[in-house]
PDB file of all heavy atoms in Angstrom:
ATOM      1  N   GLY A   1       0.633 -16.962  -7.281  1.00  0.00           N
ATOM      2  CA  GLY A   1       0.731 -18.422  -7.124  1.00  0.00           C
ATOM      3  C   GLY A   1       1.763 -18.772  -6.066  1.00  0.00           C
ATOM      4  O   GLY A   1       1.524 -19.609  -5.192  1.00  0.00           O
ATOM      5  N   LYS A   2       2.900 -18.073  -6.110  1.00  0.00           N
ATOM      6  CA  LYS A   2       3.953 -18.352  -5.137  1.00  0.00           C
ATOM      7  C   LYS A   2       3.550 -17.873  -3.738  1.00  0.00           C
ATOM      8  O   LYS A   2       3.797 -18.549  -2.740  1.00  0.00           O
ATOM      9  CB  LYS A   2       5.271 -17.697  -5.558  1.00  0.00           C
ATOM     10  CG  LYS A   2       6.404 -18.108  -4.630  1.00  0.00           C
ATOM     11  CD  LYS A   2       7.767 -17.919  -5.219  1.00  0.00           C
ATOM     12  CE  LYS A   2       8.805 -18.483  -4.246  1.00  0.00           C
ATOM     13  NZ  LYS A   2      10.171 -18.218  -4.641  1.00  0.00           N
ATOM     14  N   THR A   3       2.898 -16.701  -3.656  1.00  0.00           N
ATOM     15  CA  THR A   3       2.495 -16.196  -2.331  1.00  0.00           C
ATOM     16  C   THR A   3       1.447 -17.102  -1.703  1.00  0.00           C
ATOM     17  O   THR A   3       1.481 -17.334  -0.497  1.00  0.00           O
ATOM     18  CB  THR A   3       1.954 -14.747  -2.403  1.00  0.00           C
ATOM     19  OG1 THR A   3       0.926 -14.675  -3.377  1.00  0.00           O
ATOM     20  CG2 THR A   3       3.014 -13.733  -2.720  1.00  0.00           C
ATOM     21  N   ILE A   4       0.528 -17.641  -2.519  1.00  0.00           N
ATOM     22  CA  ILE A   4      -0.493 -18.564  -1.993  1.00  0.00           C
ATOM     23  C   ILE A   4       0.186 -19.826  -1.456  1.00  0.00           C
ATOM     24  O   ILE A   4      -0.154 -20.323  -0.385  1.00  0.00           O
ATOM     25  CB  ILE A   4      -1.553 -18.906  -3.080  1.00  0.00           C
ATOM     26  CG1 ILE A   4      -2.440 -17.680  -3.366  1.00  0.00           C
ATOM     27  CG2 ILE A   4      -2.411 -20.093  -2.649  1.00  0.00           C
ATOM     28  CD1 ILE A   4      -3.312 -17.799  -4.612  1.00  0.00           C
ATOM     29  N   SER A   5       1.198 -20.338  -2.190  1.00  0.00           N
ATOM     30  CA  SER A   5       1.872 -21.563  -1.741  1.00  0.00           C
ATOM     31  C   SER A   5       2.672 -21.321  -0.455  1.00  0.00           C
ATOM     32  O   SER A   5       2.859 -22.238   0.340  1.00  0.00           O
ATOM     33  CB  SER A   5       2.792 -22.109  -2.843  1.00  0.00           C
ATOM     34  OG  SER A   5       3.897 -21.257  -3.018  1.00  0.00           O
ATOM     35  N   LEU A   6       3.136 -20.084  -0.241  1.00  0.00           N
ATOM     36  CA  LEU A   6       3.900 -19.757   0.971  1.00  0.00           C
ATOM     37  C   LEU A   6       3.002 -19.553   2.183  1.00  0.00           C
ATOM     38  O   LEU A   6       3.321 -19.985   3.286  1.00  0.00           O
ATOM     39  CB  LEU A   6       4.728 -18.475   0.760  1.00  0.00           C
ATOM     40  CG  LEU A   6       5.951 -18.543  -0.148  1.00  0.00           C
ATOM     41  CD1 LEU A   6       6.483 -17.158  -0.416  1.00  0.00           C
ATOM     42  CD2 LEU A   6       7.040 -19.394   0.500  1.00  0.00           C
ATOM     43  N   ALA A   7       1.875 -18.840   1.979  1.00  0.00           N
ATOM     44  CA  ALA A   7       1.060 -18.400   3.115  1.00  0.00           C
ATOM     45  C   ALA A   7      -0.311 -19.054   3.198  1.00  0.00           C
ATOM     46  O   ALA A   7      -0.988 -18.927   4.223  1.00  0.00           O
ATOM     47  CB  ALA A   7       0.899 -16.882   3.060  1.00  0.00           C
ATOM     48  N   GLY A   8      -0.747 -19.729   2.126  1.00  0.00           N
ATOM     49  CA  GLY A   8      -2.103 -20.268   2.122  1.00  0.00           C
ATOM     50  C   GLY A   8      -3.137 -19.143   2.124  1.00  0.00           C
ATOM     51  O   GLY A   8      -2.826 -18.022   1.709  1.00  0.00           O
ATOM     52  N   PRO A   9      -4.343 -19.397   2.603  1.00  0.00           N
ATOM     53  CA  PRO A   9      -5.397 -18.366   2.564  1.00  0.00           C
ATOM     54  C   PRO A   9      -5.063 -17.095   3.357  1.00  0.00           C
ATOM     55  O   PRO A   9      -5.662 -16.050   3.121  1.00  0.00           O
ATOM     56  CB  PRO A   9      -6.604 -19.085   3.181  1.00  0.00           C
ATOM     57  CG  PRO A   9      -6.329 -20.531   2.968  1.00  0.00           C
ATOM     58  CD  PRO A   9      -4.857 -20.691   3.093  1.00  0.00           C
ATOM     59  N   SER A  10      -4.108 -17.179   4.293  1.00  0.00           N
ATOM     60  CA  SER A  10      -3.754 -15.981   5.078  1.00  0.00           C
ATOM     61  C   SER A  10      -3.162 -14.880   4.205  1.00  0.00           C
ATOM     62  O   SER A  10      -3.026 -13.739   4.636  1.00  0.00           O
ATOM     63  CB  SER A  10      -2.781 -16.329   6.202  1.00  0.00           C
ATOM     64  OG  SER A  10      -1.526 -16.731   5.681  1.00  0.00           O
ATOM     65  N   ILE A  11      -2.838 -15.230   2.940  1.00  0.00           N
ATOM     66  CA  ILE A  11      -2.297 -14.232   2.005  1.00  0.00           C
ATOM     67  C   ILE A  11      -3.288 -13.079   1.817  1.00  0.00           C
ATOM     68  O   ILE A  11      -2.903 -11.942   1.534  1.00  0.00           O
ATOM     69  CB  ILE A  11      -1.937 -14.897   0.644  1.00  0.00           C
ATOM     70  CG1 ILE A  11      -1.030 -13.978  -0.183  1.00  0.00           C
ATOM     71  CG2 ILE A  11      -3.151 -15.271  -0.156  1.00  0.00           C
ATOM     72  CD1 ILE A  11       0.316 -13.736   0.414  1.00  0.00           C
ATOM     73  N   ILE A  12      -4.579 -13.356   2.008  1.00  0.00           N
ATOM     74  CA  ILE A  12      -5.611 -12.317   1.889  1.00  0.00           C
ATOM     75  C   ILE A  12      -5.322 -11.183   2.871  1.00  0.00           C
ATOM     76  O   ILE A  12      -5.393 -10.002   2.525  1.00  0.00           O
ATOM     77  CB  ILE A  12      -7.016 -12.924   2.150  1.00  0.00           C
ATOM     78  CG1 ILE A  12      -7.357 -13.934   1.049  1.00  0.00           C
ATOM     79  CG2 ILE A  12      -8.080 -11.849   2.269  1.00  0.00           C
ATOM     80  CD1 ILE A  12      -8.480 -14.886   1.420  1.00  0.00           C
ATOM     81  N   PHE A  13      -4.942 -11.561   4.123  1.00  0.00           N
ATOM     82  CA  PHE A  13      -4.654 -10.547   5.148  1.00  0.00           C
ATOM     83  C   PHE A  13      -3.364  -9.790   4.822  1.00  0.00           C
ATOM     84  O   PHE A  13      -3.243  -8.611   5.112  1.00  0.00           O
ATOM     85  CB  PHE A  13      -4.558 -11.194   6.537  1.00  0.00           C
ATOM     86  CG  PHE A  13      -5.794 -11.967   6.908  1.00  0.00           C
ATOM     87  CD1 PHE A  13      -5.742 -13.339   7.125  1.00  0.00           C
ATOM     88  CD2 PHE A  13      -7.023 -11.326   7.008  1.00  0.00           C
ATOM     89  CE1 PHE A  13      -6.889 -14.057   7.444  1.00  0.00           C
ATOM     90  CE2 PHE A  13      -8.182 -12.036   7.332  1.00  0.00           C
ATOM     91  CZ  PHE A  13      -8.112 -13.402   7.543  1.00  0.00           C
ATOM     92  N   VAL A  14      -2.411 -10.512   4.204  1.00  0.00           N
ATOM     93  CA  VAL A  14      -1.138  -9.875   3.814  1.00  0.00           C
ATOM     94  C   VAL A  14      -1.420  -8.716   2.855  1.00  0.00           C
ATOM     95  O   VAL A  14      -0.934  -7.597   3.057  1.00  0.00           O
ATOM     96  CB  VAL A  14      -0.178 -10.908   3.159  1.00  0.00           C
ATOM     97  CG1 VAL A  14       1.049 -10.235   2.568  1.00  0.00           C
ATOM     98  CG2 VAL A  14       0.236 -11.971   4.165  1.00  0.00           C
ATOM     99  N   TYR A  15      -2.225  -8.979   1.826  1.00  0.00           N
ATOM    100  CA  TYR A  15      -2.548  -7.943   0.849  1.00  0.00           C
ATOM    101  C   TYR A  15      -3.306  -6.778   1.491  1.00  0.00           C
ATOM    102  O   TYR A  15      -3.069  -5.619   1.161  1.00  0.00           O
ATOM    103  CB  TYR A  15      -3.355  -8.530  -0.321  1.00  0.00           C
ATOM    104  CG  TYR A  15      -2.501  -9.245  -1.339  1.00  0.00           C
ATOM    105  CD1 TYR A  15      -2.385 -10.632  -1.347  1.00  0.00           C
ATOM    106  CD2 TYR A  15      -1.785  -8.530  -2.301  1.00  0.00           C
ATOM    107  CE1 TYR A  15      -1.594 -11.289  -2.279  1.00  0.00           C
ATOM    108  CE2 TYR A  15      -0.996  -9.182  -3.238  1.00  0.00           C
ATOM    109  CZ  TYR A  15      -0.896 -10.562  -3.216  1.00  0.00           C
ATOM    110  OH  TYR A  15      -0.097 -11.204  -4.135  1.00  0.00           O
ATOM    111  N   MET A  16      -4.199  -7.086   2.427  1.00  0.00           N
ATOM    112  CA  MET A  16      -4.965  -6.028   3.083  1.00  0.00           C
ATOM    113  C   MET A  16      -4.063  -5.135   3.938  1.00  0.00           C
ATOM    114  O   MET A  16      -4.195  -3.912   3.925  1.00  0.00           O
ATOM    115  CB  MET A  16      -6.078  -6.633   3.946  1.00  0.00           C
ATOM    116  CG  MET A  16      -7.215  -7.192   3.114  1.00  0.00           C
ATOM    117  SD  MET A  16      -8.402  -8.145   4.067  1.00  0.00           S
ATOM    118  CE  MET A  16      -9.457  -6.865   4.677  1.00  0.00           C
ATOM    119  N   ILE A  17      -3.107  -5.753   4.651  1.00  0.00           N
ATOM    120  CA  ILE A  17      -2.194  -4.975   5.516  1.00  0.00           C
ATOM    121  C   ILE A  17      -1.305  -4.068   4.663  1.00  0.00           C
ATOM    122  O   ILE A  17      -1.165  -2.876   4.949  1.00  0.00           O
ATOM    123  CB  ILE A  17      -1.337  -5.928   6.397  1.00  0.00           C
ATOM    124  CG1 ILE A  17      -2.228  -6.634   7.427  1.00  0.00           C
ATOM    125  CG2 ILE A  17      -0.212  -5.166   7.095  1.00  0.00           C
ATOM    126  CD1 ILE A  17      -1.584  -7.845   8.104  1.00  0.00           C
ATOM    127  N   ILE A  18      -0.727  -4.630   3.594  1.00  0.00           N
ATOM    128  CA  ILE A  18       0.162  -3.819   2.738  1.00  0.00           C
ATOM    129  C   ILE A  18      -0.629  -2.681   2.098  1.00  0.00           C
ATOM    130  O   ILE A  18      -0.168  -1.537   2.049  1.00  0.00           O
ATOM    131  CB  ILE A  18       0.849  -4.684   1.655  1.00  0.00           C
ATOM    132  CG1 ILE A  18       1.714  -5.768   2.309  1.00  0.00           C
ATOM    133  CG2 ILE A  18       1.726  -3.811   0.739  1.00  0.00           C
ATOM    134  CD1 ILE A  18       2.253  -6.810   1.348  1.00  0.00           C
ATOM    135  N   GLY A  19      -1.839  -2.984   1.623  1.00  0.00           N
ATOM    136  CA  GLY A  19      -2.686  -1.949   1.012  1.00  0.00           C
ATOM    137  C   GLY A  19      -3.011  -0.835   1.985  1.00  0.00           C
ATOM    138  O   GLY A  19      -2.970   0.356   1.634  1.00  0.00           O
ATOM    139  N   PHE A  20      -3.299  -1.202   3.247  1.00  0.00           N
ATOM    140  CA  PHE A  20      -3.606  -0.225   4.299  1.00  0.00           C
ATOM    141  C   PHE A  20      -2.416   0.710   4.520  1.00  0.00           C
ATOM    142  O   PHE A  20      -2.560   1.934   4.541  1.00  0.00           O
ATOM    143  CB  PHE A  20      -3.953  -0.985   5.589  1.00  0.00           C
ATOM    144  CG  PHE A  20      -4.162  -0.100   6.791  1.00  0.00           C
ATOM    145  CD1 PHE A  20      -5.346   0.609   6.953  1.00  0.00           C
ATOM    146  CD2 PHE A  20      -3.186   0.010   7.763  1.00  0.00           C
ATOM    147  CE1 PHE A  20      -5.541   1.428   8.065  1.00  0.00           C
ATOM    148  CE2 PHE A  20      -3.365   0.819   8.889  1.00  0.00           C
ATOM    149  CZ  PHE A  20      -4.554   1.534   9.037  1.00  0.00           C
ATOM    150  N   ILE A  21      -1.219   0.140   4.644  1.00  0.00           N
ATOM    151  CA  ILE A  21      -0.002   0.946   4.885  1.00  0.00           C
ATOM    152  C   ILE A  21       0.276   1.874   3.706  1.00  0.00           C
ATOM    153  O   ILE A  21       0.561   3.065   3.877  1.00  0.00           O
ATOM    154  CB  ILE A  21       1.221   0.012   5.139  1.00  0.00           C
ATOM    155  CG1 ILE A  21       1.072  -0.727   6.475  1.00  0.00           C
ATOM    156  CG2 ILE A  21       2.545   0.771   5.072  1.00  0.00           C
ATOM    157  CD1 ILE A  21       1.182   0.102   7.734  1.00  0.00           C
ATOM    158  N   LEU A  22       0.166   1.330   2.479  1.00  0.00           N
ATOM    159  CA  LEU A  22       0.523   2.136   1.301  1.00  0.00           C
ATOM    160  C   LEU A  22      -0.473   3.251   1.015  1.00  0.00           C
ATOM    161  O   LEU A  22      -0.122   4.244   0.386  1.00  0.00           O
ATOM    162  CB  LEU A  22       0.713   1.238   0.076  1.00  0.00           C
ATOM    163  CG  LEU A  22       1.993   0.392   0.128  1.00  0.00           C
ATOM    164  CD1 LEU A  22       2.117  -0.485  -1.089  1.00  0.00           C
ATOM    165  CD2 LEU A  22       3.235   1.275   0.250  1.00  0.00           C
ATOM    166  N   PHE A  23      -1.688   3.118   1.503  1.00  0.00           N
ATOM    167  CA  PHE A  23      -2.649   4.214   1.368  1.00  0.00           C
ATOM    168  C   PHE A  23      -2.108   5.474   2.049  1.00  0.00           C
ATOM    169  O   PHE A  23      -2.200   6.581   1.516  1.00  0.00           O
ATOM    170  CB  PHE A  23      -4.001   3.818   1.968  1.00  0.00           C
ATOM    171  CG  PHE A  23      -4.970   4.974   2.064  1.00  0.00           C
ATOM    172  CD1 PHE A  23      -5.463   5.579   0.911  1.00  0.00           C
ATOM    173  CD2 PHE A  23      -5.367   5.476   3.295  1.00  0.00           C
ATOM    174  CE1 PHE A  23      -6.349   6.654   0.983  1.00  0.00           C
ATOM    175  CE2 PHE A  23      -6.251   6.542   3.376  1.00  0.00           C
ATOM    176  CZ  PHE A  23      -6.741   7.135   2.220  1.00  0.00           C
ATOM    177  N   PHE A  24      -1.497   5.299   3.231  1.00  0.00           N
ATOM    178  CA  PHE A  24      -0.956   6.457   3.969  1.00  0.00           C
ATOM    179  C   PHE A  24       0.272   7.048   3.272  1.00  0.00           C
ATOM    180  O   PHE A  24       0.465   8.255   3.278  1.00  0.00           O
ATOM    181  CB  PHE A  24      -0.642   6.068   5.412  1.00  0.00           C
ATOM    182  CG  PHE A  24      -1.883   5.777   6.215  1.00  0.00           C
ATOM    183  CD1 PHE A  24      -2.322   4.477   6.403  1.00  0.00           C
ATOM    184  CD2 PHE A  24      -2.648   6.812   6.741  1.00  0.00           C
ATOM    185  CE1 PHE A  24      -3.486   4.202   7.104  1.00  0.00           C
ATOM    186  CE2 PHE A  24      -3.820   6.558   7.448  1.00  0.00           C
ATOM    187  CZ  PHE A  24      -4.238   5.252   7.633  1.00  0.00           C
ATOM    188  N   VAL A  25       1.071   6.162   2.646  1.00  0.00           N
ATOM    189  CA  VAL A  25       2.224   6.663   1.868  1.00  0.00           C
ATOM    190  C   VAL A  25       1.710   7.538   0.724  1.00  0.00           C
ATOM    191  O   VAL A  25       2.233   8.623   0.460  1.00  0.00           O
ATOM    192  CB  VAL A  25       3.075   5.488   1.317  1.00  0.00           C
ATOM    193  CG1 VAL A  25       4.211   5.996   0.438  1.00  0.00           C
ATOM    194  CG2 VAL A  25       3.625   4.641   2.455  1.00  0.00           C
ATOM    195  N   MET A  26       0.645   7.061   0.068  1.00  0.00           N
ATOM    196  CA  MET A  26       0.047   7.810  -1.048  1.00  0.00           C
ATOM    197  C   MET A  26      -0.510   9.155  -0.582  1.00  0.00           C
ATOM    198  O   MET A  26      -0.359  10.174  -1.244  1.00  0.00           O
ATOM    199  CB  MET A  26      -1.090   6.988  -1.673  1.00  0.00           C
ATOM    200  CG  MET A  26      -0.647   5.708  -2.317  1.00  0.00           C
ATOM    201  SD  MET A  26       0.086   6.005  -3.906  1.00  0.00           S
ATOM    202  CE  MET A  26      -1.350   6.428  -4.854  1.00  0.00           C
ATOM    203  N   ARG A  27      -1.162   9.149   0.579  1.00  0.00           N
ATOM    204  CA  ARG A  27      -1.736  10.394   1.100  1.00  0.00           C
ATOM    205  C   ARG A  27      -0.641  11.401   1.467  1.00  0.00           C
ATOM    206  O   ARG A  27      -0.785  12.603   1.242  1.00  0.00           O
ATOM    207  CB  ARG A  27      -2.628  10.099   2.312  1.00  0.00           C
ATOM    208  CG  ARG A  27      -3.979   9.483   1.943  1.00  0.00           C
ATOM    209  CD  ARG A  27      -4.854  10.414   1.115  1.00  0.00           C
ATOM    210  NE  ARG A  27      -5.194  11.640   1.798  1.00  0.00           N
ATOM    211  CZ  ARG A  27      -6.357  11.918   2.369  1.00  0.00           C
ATOM    212  NH1 ARG A  27      -7.317  11.019   2.337  1.00  0.00           N
ATOM    213  NH2 ARG A  27      -6.573  13.074   2.948  1.00  0.00           N
ATOM    214  N   ALA A  28       0.455  10.882   2.042  1.00  0.00           N
ATOM    215  CA  ALA A  28       1.590  11.759   2.377  1.00  0.00           C
ATOM    216  C   ALA A  28       2.142  12.400   1.105  1.00  0.00           C
ATOM    217  O   ALA A  28       2.376  13.610   1.044  1.00  0.00           O
ATOM    218  CB  ALA A  28       2.688  10.960   3.086  1.00  0.00           C
ATOM    219  N   MET A  29       2.306  11.573   0.065  1.00  0.00           N
ATOM    220  CA  MET A  29       2.810  12.067  -1.222  1.00  0.00           C
ATOM    221  C   MET A  29       1.850  13.096  -1.813  1.00  0.00           C
ATOM    222  O   MET A  29       2.266  14.151  -2.297  1.00  0.00           O
ATOM    223  CB  MET A  29       2.981  10.892  -2.187  1.00  0.00           C
ATOM    224  CG  MET A  29       3.475  11.285  -3.559  1.00  0.00           C
ATOM    225  SD  MET A  29       3.576   9.855  -4.653  1.00  0.00           S
ATOM    226  CE  MET A  29       1.858   9.610  -5.059  1.00  0.00           C
ATOM    227  N   GLY A  30       0.554  12.805  -1.752  1.00  0.00           N
ATOM    228  CA  GLY A  30      -0.457  13.711  -2.305  1.00  0.00           C
ATOM    229  C   GLY A  30      -0.451  15.069  -1.630  1.00  0.00           C
ATOM    230  O   GLY A  30      -0.505  16.102  -2.305  1.00  0.00           O
ATOM    231  N   GLU A  31      -0.359  15.070  -0.281  1.00  0.00           N
ATOM    232  CA  GLU A  31      -0.363  16.355   0.436  1.00  0.00           C
ATOM    233  C   GLU A  31       0.843  17.214   0.046  1.00  0.00           C
ATOM    234  O   GLU A  31       0.705  18.408  -0.201  1.00  0.00           O
ATOM    235  CB  GLU A  31      -0.380  16.141   1.957  1.00  0.00           C
ATOM    236  CG  GLU A  31      -0.496  17.477   2.690  1.00  0.00           C
ATOM    237  CD  GLU A  31      -0.546  17.381   4.219  1.00  0.00           C
ATOM    238  OE1 GLU A  31      -0.920  16.317   4.755  1.00  0.00           O
ATOM    239  OE2 GLU A  31      -0.222  18.389   4.864  1.00  0.00           O
ATOM    240  N   ILE A  32       2.020  16.585  -0.050  1.00  0.00           N
ATOM    241  CA  ILE A  32       3.230  17.369  -0.394  1.00  0.00           C
ATOM    242  C   ILE A  32       3.142  17.877  -1.837  1.00  0.00           C
ATOM    243  O   ILE A  32       3.420  19.048  -2.101  1.00  0.00           O
ATOM    244  CB  ILE A  32       4.527  16.544  -0.205  1.00  0.00           C
ATOM    245  CG1 ILE A  32       4.630  15.982   1.209  1.00  0.00           C
ATOM    246  CG2 ILE A  32       5.746  17.419  -0.487  1.00  0.00           C
ATOM    247  CD1 ILE A  32       5.795  15.034   1.421  1.00  0.00           C
ATOM    248  N   LEU A  33       2.766  17.009  -2.780  1.00  0.00           N
ATOM    249  CA  LEU A  33       2.699  17.414  -4.196  1.00  0.00           C
ATOM    250  C   LEU A  33       1.743  18.590  -4.396  1.00  0.00           C
ATOM    251  O   LEU A  33       2.014  19.505  -5.162  1.00  0.00           O
ATOM    252  CB  LEU A  33       2.257  16.247  -5.082  1.00  0.00           C
ATOM    253  CG  LEU A  33       3.317  15.193  -5.435  1.00  0.00           C
ATOM    254  CD1 LEU A  33       2.673  14.023  -6.150  1.00  0.00           C
ATOM    255  CD2 LEU A  33       4.433  15.780  -6.293  1.00  0.00           C
ATOM    256  N   LEU A  34       0.611  18.567  -3.682  1.00  0.00           N
ATOM    257  CA  LEU A  34      -0.386  19.624  -3.853  1.00  0.00           C
ATOM    258  C   LEU A  34      -0.047  20.881  -3.062  1.00  0.00           C
ATOM    259  O   LEU A  34      -0.634  21.935  -3.282  1.00  0.00           O
ATOM    260  CB  LEU A  34      -1.779  19.112  -3.465  1.00  0.00           C
ATOM    261  CG  LEU A  34      -2.324  18.011  -4.390  1.00  0.00           C
ATOM    262  CD1 LEU A  34      -3.628  17.447  -3.866  1.00  0.00           C
ATOM    263  CD2 LEU A  34      -2.517  18.514  -5.818  1.00  0.00           C
ATOM    264  N   SER A  35       0.936  20.777  -2.142  1.00  0.00           N
ATOM    265  CA  SER A  35       1.334  21.973  -1.383  1.00  0.00           C
ATOM    266  C   SER A  35       2.180  22.914  -2.241  1.00  0.00           C
ATOM    267  O   SER A  35       2.325  24.080  -1.950  1.00  0.00           O
ATOM    268  CB  SER A  35       2.132  21.575  -0.135  1.00  0.00           C
ATOM    269  OG  SER A  35       3.439  21.134  -0.495  1.00  0.00           O
ATOM    270  N   ASN A  36       2.744  22.384  -3.332  1.00  0.00           N
ATOM    271  CA  ASN A  36       3.601  23.196  -4.210  1.00  0.00           C
ATOM    272  C   ASN A  36       3.547  22.568  -5.603  1.00  0.00           C
ATOM    273  O   ASN A  36       4.194  21.559  -5.862  1.00  0.00           O
ATOM    274  CB  ASN A  36       5.031  23.201  -3.654  1.00  0.00           C
ATOM    275  CG  ASN A  36       5.974  24.039  -4.516  1.00  0.00           C
ATOM    276  OD1 ASN A  36       5.642  24.442  -5.629  1.00  0.00           O
ATOM    277  ND2 ASN A  36       7.163  24.300  -3.997  1.00  0.00           N
ATOM    278  N   LEU A  37       2.786  23.180  -6.507  1.00  0.00           N
ATOM    279  CA  LEU A  37       2.566  22.570  -7.830  1.00  0.00           C
ATOM    280  C   LEU A  37       3.790  22.646  -8.740  1.00  0.00           C
ATOM    281  O   LEU A  37       3.771  22.121  -9.846  1.00  0.00           O
ATOM    282  CB  LEU A  37       1.347  23.207  -8.507  1.00  0.00           C
ATOM    283  CG  LEU A  37      -0.010  22.844  -7.867  1.00  0.00           C
ATOM    284  CD1 LEU A  37      -1.144  23.530  -8.597  1.00  0.00           C
ATOM    285  CD2 LEU A  37      -0.244  21.339  -7.820  1.00  0.00           C
ATOM    286  N   SER A  38       4.878  23.281  -8.255  1.00  0.00           N
ATOM    287  CA  SER A  38       6.101  23.267  -9.073  1.00  0.00           C
ATOM    288  C   SER A  38       6.895  21.974  -8.840  1.00  0.00           C
ATOM    289  O   SER A  38       7.844  21.698  -9.542  1.00  0.00           O
ATOM    290  CB  SER A  38       6.976  24.491  -8.778  1.00  0.00           C
ATOM    291  OG  SER A  38       7.457  24.432  -7.454  1.00  0.00           O
ATOM    292  N   TYR A  39       6.483  21.179  -7.833  1.00  0.00           N
ATOM    293  CA  TYR A  39       7.096  19.852  -7.672  1.00  0.00           C
ATOM    294  C   TYR A  39       6.628  18.983  -8.834  1.00  0.00           C
ATOM    295  O   TYR A  39       5.434  18.828  -9.053  1.00  0.00           O
ATOM    296  CB  TYR A  39       6.646  19.182  -6.371  1.00  0.00           C
ATOM    297  CG  TYR A  39       7.162  19.790  -5.087  1.00  0.00           C
ATOM    298  CD1 TYR A  39       6.354  19.841  -3.956  1.00  0.00           C
ATOM    299  CD2 TYR A  39       8.464  20.276  -4.988  1.00  0.00           C
ATOM    300  CE1 TYR A  39       6.814  20.372  -2.755  1.00  0.00           C
ATOM    301  CE2 TYR A  39       8.926  20.814  -3.798  1.00  0.00           C
ATOM    302  CZ  TYR A  39       8.104  20.862  -2.680  1.00  0.00           C
ATOM    303  OH  TYR A  39       8.567  21.387  -1.506  1.00  0.00           O
TER     304      TYR A  39
END
């Protein structure tokens, strides 16, 4: 509710950009975790 009041409909793009960036963070984490299962 607060993000919509700040950005209006452009908030849709905000969520898409953050989601895009965090996908790569997740992939980086996944590659390292699976490189050594004792982590």
